Protein backbone atom coordinates (compact mmCIF):
# COMPACT_ATOMS: atom_id res chain seq x y z
CA MET A 1 107.14 -299.44 139.04
CA PRO A 2 109.76 -297.16 137.43
CA ASP A 3 111.70 -294.73 139.57
CA ALA A 4 110.39 -291.15 139.72
CA PHE A 5 112.06 -288.93 137.14
CA ASP A 6 114.75 -286.62 138.53
CA PRO A 7 115.10 -283.45 136.39
CA ARG A 8 118.28 -282.23 138.10
CA PRO A 9 120.96 -284.03 136.03
CA ALA A 10 119.48 -282.88 132.70
CA ALA A 11 118.99 -279.34 134.00
CA ASP A 12 122.63 -279.26 135.15
CA PHE A 13 123.74 -280.54 131.73
CA LEU A 14 121.78 -277.81 129.92
CA LEU A 15 122.89 -275.15 132.39
CA ALA A 16 126.52 -275.93 131.55
CA ALA A 17 125.67 -275.66 127.84
CA TYR A 18 124.09 -272.24 128.45
CA ARG A 19 127.09 -270.98 130.38
CA ASP A 20 129.71 -272.43 128.02
CA GLY A 21 127.92 -271.44 124.81
CA ARG A 22 128.04 -275.04 123.58
CA GLN A 23 125.75 -277.32 121.62
CA HIS A 24 125.33 -281.08 122.01
CA ALA A 25 123.86 -283.84 119.88
CA GLU A 26 121.38 -284.83 122.61
CA LEU A 27 120.94 -285.38 126.31
CA PRO A 28 122.59 -288.54 127.65
CA GLU A 29 120.05 -291.37 127.55
CA ALA A 30 120.08 -291.92 131.30
CA ILE A 31 118.85 -288.37 132.00
CA ARG A 32 116.69 -287.81 128.92
CA PRO A 33 113.00 -286.91 129.46
CA ARG A 34 110.46 -289.42 128.13
CA THR A 35 107.34 -287.27 128.35
CA MET A 36 106.41 -283.62 127.89
CA ALA A 37 105.78 -283.35 131.64
CA GLU A 38 109.36 -284.51 132.32
CA GLY A 39 110.65 -282.04 129.71
CA TYR A 40 108.84 -279.20 131.45
CA ASP A 41 110.16 -280.41 134.82
CA ILE A 42 113.68 -279.98 133.45
CA GLN A 43 112.81 -276.56 132.03
CA ASP A 44 111.50 -275.43 135.43
CA ARG A 45 114.68 -276.61 137.12
CA LEU A 46 116.90 -275.02 134.45
CA PHE A 47 115.09 -271.69 134.77
CA ALA A 48 115.55 -271.72 138.56
CA ALA A 49 119.25 -272.53 138.17
CA LEU A 50 119.79 -269.70 135.67
CA GLY A 51 118.62 -267.24 138.33
CA GLU A 52 116.79 -265.18 135.70
CA THR A 53 113.60 -263.13 135.78
CA CYS A 54 110.83 -264.37 133.49
CA ALA A 55 109.59 -261.60 131.16
CA GLY A 56 107.03 -263.89 129.53
CA TRP A 57 106.76 -266.92 127.29
CA LYS A 58 107.44 -268.03 123.75
CA LEU A 59 105.51 -270.71 121.90
CA ALA A 60 106.72 -273.12 119.26
CA ILE A 61 105.26 -275.76 116.93
CA GLY A 62 101.94 -273.91 117.01
CA SER A 63 100.82 -274.17 113.39
CA VAL A 64 98.00 -276.48 112.36
CA LYS A 65 100.54 -278.73 110.63
CA GLY A 66 103.01 -278.55 113.53
CA LYS A 67 100.45 -279.55 116.13
CA ARG A 68 99.29 -282.47 114.00
CA THR A 69 102.69 -283.85 113.04
CA SER A 70 104.50 -283.30 116.35
CA GLY A 71 102.24 -285.65 118.25
CA VAL A 72 102.07 -283.14 121.11
CA GLY A 73 98.78 -281.65 119.94
CA ARG A 74 99.47 -278.10 121.04
CA SER A 75 102.15 -275.40 121.14
CA ILE A 76 105.25 -276.02 123.25
CA ALA A 77 106.13 -273.29 125.76
CA GLY A 78 109.42 -271.77 126.83
CA ARG A 79 110.28 -268.80 129.03
CA VAL A 80 111.42 -265.41 127.73
CA LEU A 81 114.34 -264.47 129.96
CA ARG A 82 114.55 -260.82 131.00
CA SER A 83 118.24 -260.61 130.02
CA GLN A 84 117.36 -261.80 126.50
CA PHE A 85 114.45 -259.39 126.00
CA HIS A 86 115.38 -256.47 123.72
CA GLU A 87 114.07 -253.22 122.26
CA PRO A 88 113.86 -252.46 118.51
CA GLY A 89 117.21 -251.82 116.88
CA ALA A 90 119.11 -253.93 119.40
CA ALA A 91 122.57 -255.25 118.52
CA LEU A 92 122.71 -258.91 119.53
CA ARG A 93 125.65 -261.28 119.85
CA MET A 94 125.04 -265.02 119.91
CA PRO A 95 126.93 -267.35 122.28
CA HIS A 96 128.48 -269.35 119.41
CA ALA A 97 128.73 -269.34 115.62
CA GLY A 98 125.97 -271.88 114.92
CA PRO A 99 123.05 -270.84 112.70
CA VAL A 100 120.31 -268.88 114.48
CA THR A 101 116.73 -269.24 113.27
CA ILE A 102 114.88 -265.95 112.71
CA GLU A 103 111.11 -265.77 113.20
CA PHE A 104 108.83 -262.72 112.95
CA GLU A 105 105.94 -263.22 115.38
CA ILE A 106 102.79 -261.82 116.91
CA ALA A 107 103.16 -261.18 120.64
CA TYR A 108 100.58 -260.35 123.28
CA VAL A 109 100.91 -258.27 126.44
CA ILE A 110 98.82 -259.95 129.15
CA ALA A 111 96.24 -257.68 130.79
CA ARG A 112 95.85 -259.37 134.17
CA ASP A 113 97.15 -262.25 136.24
CA ILE A 114 95.98 -265.60 134.91
CA ASP A 115 95.64 -267.86 137.94
CA PRO A 116 95.84 -271.59 137.19
CA GLY A 117 93.07 -272.26 139.70
CA ALA A 118 90.65 -269.71 138.28
CA PRO A 119 87.91 -270.63 135.77
CA ALA A 120 89.16 -270.83 132.20
CA VAL A 121 88.57 -267.74 130.06
CA GLU A 122 88.90 -267.04 126.36
CA ALA A 123 92.38 -265.96 125.35
CA ALA A 124 91.12 -262.76 123.72
CA HIS A 125 89.83 -261.59 127.10
CA VAL A 126 93.30 -261.53 128.72
CA VAL A 127 95.09 -259.54 125.99
CA ALA A 128 95.99 -255.93 126.81
CA GLU A 129 97.95 -255.20 123.64
CA THR A 130 99.04 -256.88 120.42
CA ARG A 131 102.64 -256.33 119.33
CA VAL A 132 105.04 -257.68 116.72
CA ALA A 133 108.35 -259.29 117.63
CA PHE A 134 111.37 -261.16 116.35
CA GLU A 135 112.31 -264.37 118.10
CA LEU A 136 115.83 -265.73 117.70
CA VAL A 137 115.88 -269.50 118.12
CA LEU A 138 119.18 -271.12 119.09
CA SER A 139 119.08 -274.50 120.78
CA ARG A 140 121.59 -276.13 123.07
CA PHE A 141 121.29 -279.06 120.62
CA PHE A 142 122.71 -279.20 117.09
CA ASP A 143 119.32 -280.32 115.77
CA ARG A 144 116.51 -279.20 118.07
CA ARG A 145 113.91 -281.31 116.26
CA ALA A 146 115.87 -284.55 116.13
CA VAL A 147 116.21 -284.78 119.92
CA GLY A 148 112.44 -285.15 120.45
CA TRP A 149 109.90 -282.72 121.81
CA PRO A 150 110.40 -283.51 125.54
CA SER A 151 114.10 -282.60 125.18
CA PHE A 152 113.15 -279.55 123.13
CA ALA A 153 110.89 -278.40 126.00
CA ALA A 154 113.67 -279.13 128.50
CA ASP A 155 115.94 -276.77 126.53
CA ASN A 156 113.49 -273.91 127.17
CA SER A 157 112.01 -274.60 123.72
CA ALA A 158 115.26 -273.39 122.11
CA PHE A 159 114.69 -269.76 123.10
CA GLN A 160 117.61 -267.36 122.67
CA ALA A 161 116.30 -263.79 122.34
CA LEU A 162 113.19 -261.69 121.72
CA VAL A 163 113.06 -258.25 120.08
CA LEU A 164 109.71 -256.62 120.87
CA GLY A 165 108.30 -254.23 118.30
CA PRO A 166 105.42 -251.78 117.94
CA ALA A 167 101.75 -252.34 118.70
CA VAL A 168 99.32 -253.29 115.96
CA ALA A 169 95.54 -253.39 116.10
CA PRO A 170 94.13 -256.96 116.04
CA GLU A 171 92.11 -256.13 112.93
CA GLU A 172 95.37 -255.20 111.16
CA LEU A 173 96.88 -258.69 111.47
CA PRO A 174 95.71 -259.86 108.01
CA GLU A 175 97.39 -256.81 106.46
CA VAL A 176 100.54 -257.39 108.52
CA ALA A 177 100.73 -260.93 107.11
CA ARG A 178 99.85 -259.87 103.55
CA SER A 179 102.46 -257.11 103.40
CA LEU A 180 105.23 -258.75 105.47
CA VAL A 181 108.74 -258.90 104.02
CA VAL A 182 111.77 -259.83 106.13
CA GLU A 183 115.07 -258.53 104.77
CA VAL A 184 118.70 -259.27 105.56
CA ASP A 185 121.10 -256.42 104.73
CA GLY A 186 118.39 -254.82 102.59
CA VAL A 187 117.66 -257.92 100.50
CA ALA A 188 114.25 -259.59 100.80
CA ARG A 189 114.58 -263.02 102.39
CA VAL A 190 111.11 -264.35 103.34
CA ARG A 191 107.44 -263.46 103.54
CA ALA A 192 104.60 -264.77 105.68
CA VAL A 193 103.80 -268.44 106.08
CA THR A 194 100.55 -269.65 104.53
CA GLY A 195 98.04 -272.45 104.85
CA GLU A 196 98.62 -275.14 107.47
CA ASP A 197 102.06 -273.67 108.28
CA ALA A 198 100.41 -270.54 109.74
CA THR A 199 99.97 -270.06 113.48
CA ASP A 200 96.73 -268.79 115.04
CA PRO A 201 98.07 -266.40 117.73
CA LEU A 202 95.03 -266.68 120.02
CA ALA A 203 95.05 -270.47 119.74
CA ALA A 204 98.73 -270.46 120.72
CA LEU A 205 97.94 -268.29 123.76
CA THR A 206 95.17 -270.72 124.65
CA ASP A 207 97.74 -273.53 124.53
CA LEU A 208 100.01 -271.63 126.93
CA MET A 209 97.14 -271.07 129.34
CA ALA A 210 96.44 -274.82 129.29
CA VAL A 211 100.09 -275.67 130.00
CA ALA A 212 100.18 -273.12 132.85
CA ARG A 213 96.98 -274.53 134.33
CA GLU A 214 98.30 -278.09 134.26
CA ARG A 215 101.59 -277.08 135.86
CA GLY A 216 100.13 -274.72 138.44
CA MET A 217 101.85 -271.61 137.04
CA THR A 218 100.45 -268.09 137.20
CA ILE A 219 100.89 -265.96 134.07
CA PRO A 220 101.40 -262.47 135.54
CA ALA A 221 99.91 -259.28 134.17
CA GLY A 222 102.38 -257.55 131.85
CA SER A 223 103.90 -260.81 130.60
CA ILE A 224 104.91 -260.91 126.94
CA VAL A 225 103.71 -263.99 125.07
CA SER A 226 105.24 -264.50 121.62
CA THR A 227 102.90 -266.89 119.86
CA GLY A 228 104.87 -268.52 117.04
CA THR A 229 106.24 -267.54 113.68
CA LEU A 230 104.25 -265.45 111.20
CA SER A 231 107.14 -265.45 108.71
CA VAL A 232 108.79 -268.39 107.00
CA PRO A 233 111.62 -269.26 109.43
CA PHE A 234 115.16 -269.02 108.09
CA ASP A 235 118.65 -269.58 109.46
CA LEU A 236 121.25 -266.84 109.59
CA THR A 237 124.92 -267.63 110.05
CA GLY A 238 127.17 -264.70 110.72
CA PRO A 239 126.38 -261.00 111.10
CA GLY A 240 123.58 -259.12 109.39
CA ILE A 241 120.95 -256.40 109.70
CA VAL A 242 117.51 -257.97 109.87
CA THR A 243 114.47 -255.81 109.08
CA ALA A 244 110.78 -256.62 108.82
CA ARG A 245 108.52 -254.36 106.76
CA PHE A 246 104.79 -254.69 107.32
CA ALA A 247 101.69 -252.48 107.04
CA GLY A 248 103.78 -249.32 106.71
CA GLN A 249 105.91 -250.09 109.78
CA THR A 250 109.31 -251.66 110.43
CA LEU A 251 111.07 -253.70 113.10
CA GLY A 252 114.74 -254.56 113.01
CA PHE A 253 117.85 -255.64 114.86
CA THR A 254 121.51 -256.28 114.13
CA LEU A 255 123.20 -259.63 114.55
CA LEU A 256 126.81 -259.01 115.51
CA PRO A 257 129.84 -261.21 114.73
CA VAL A 258 130.48 -263.84 117.39
């Protein structure tokens, strides 16, 4: 019978990467998670070691295509750290000069505590408000996909920062997607994803609720849940002013030089 997995060495390794602003090719083989459960065990330990407050969750790999090709079968969760949660117009500085992936997302504000022991409910019934957001993805690994999904989960699903924008009515989401343009320094860069690359926000929230139930975690009222990219993701290296234009509204932030 194999020895029980110890998440501490990998969590310590990733904690040092967080604090030093460094990236690595992968976790050393001896401490690498083999399953999603082990990856989440490392994430739990890393979060505790960071000493941060959890403002909510982010979800990744939540598109129809992503769920099918990843082998995981559902979105992968990471925590939104309070210190990396920002208001519109924020000026953000990354910990190193590596490319940061920019994603415009739909985020939910959770209406009430979701207890893992309570009967399952439909995701739409726990949403207090629908917002838009930018997630900045910056892994502790050079290639967050190449390391495998358990290691990706261990690295807090590559979360770096969240910029929370204005509320939108749920019935406006098709227009948000149709009209979306993300600009860098005033030049259009990407629009919304389409087809199997699109994420269903409520399905992503349902995935988070399933992960929380399995791991015995309560999702508190007021949590922000960013559900996965609505825009075509793109990498930005170096400074720039990023602006999303959608349904007559805007959301933006500034990426500062490192």
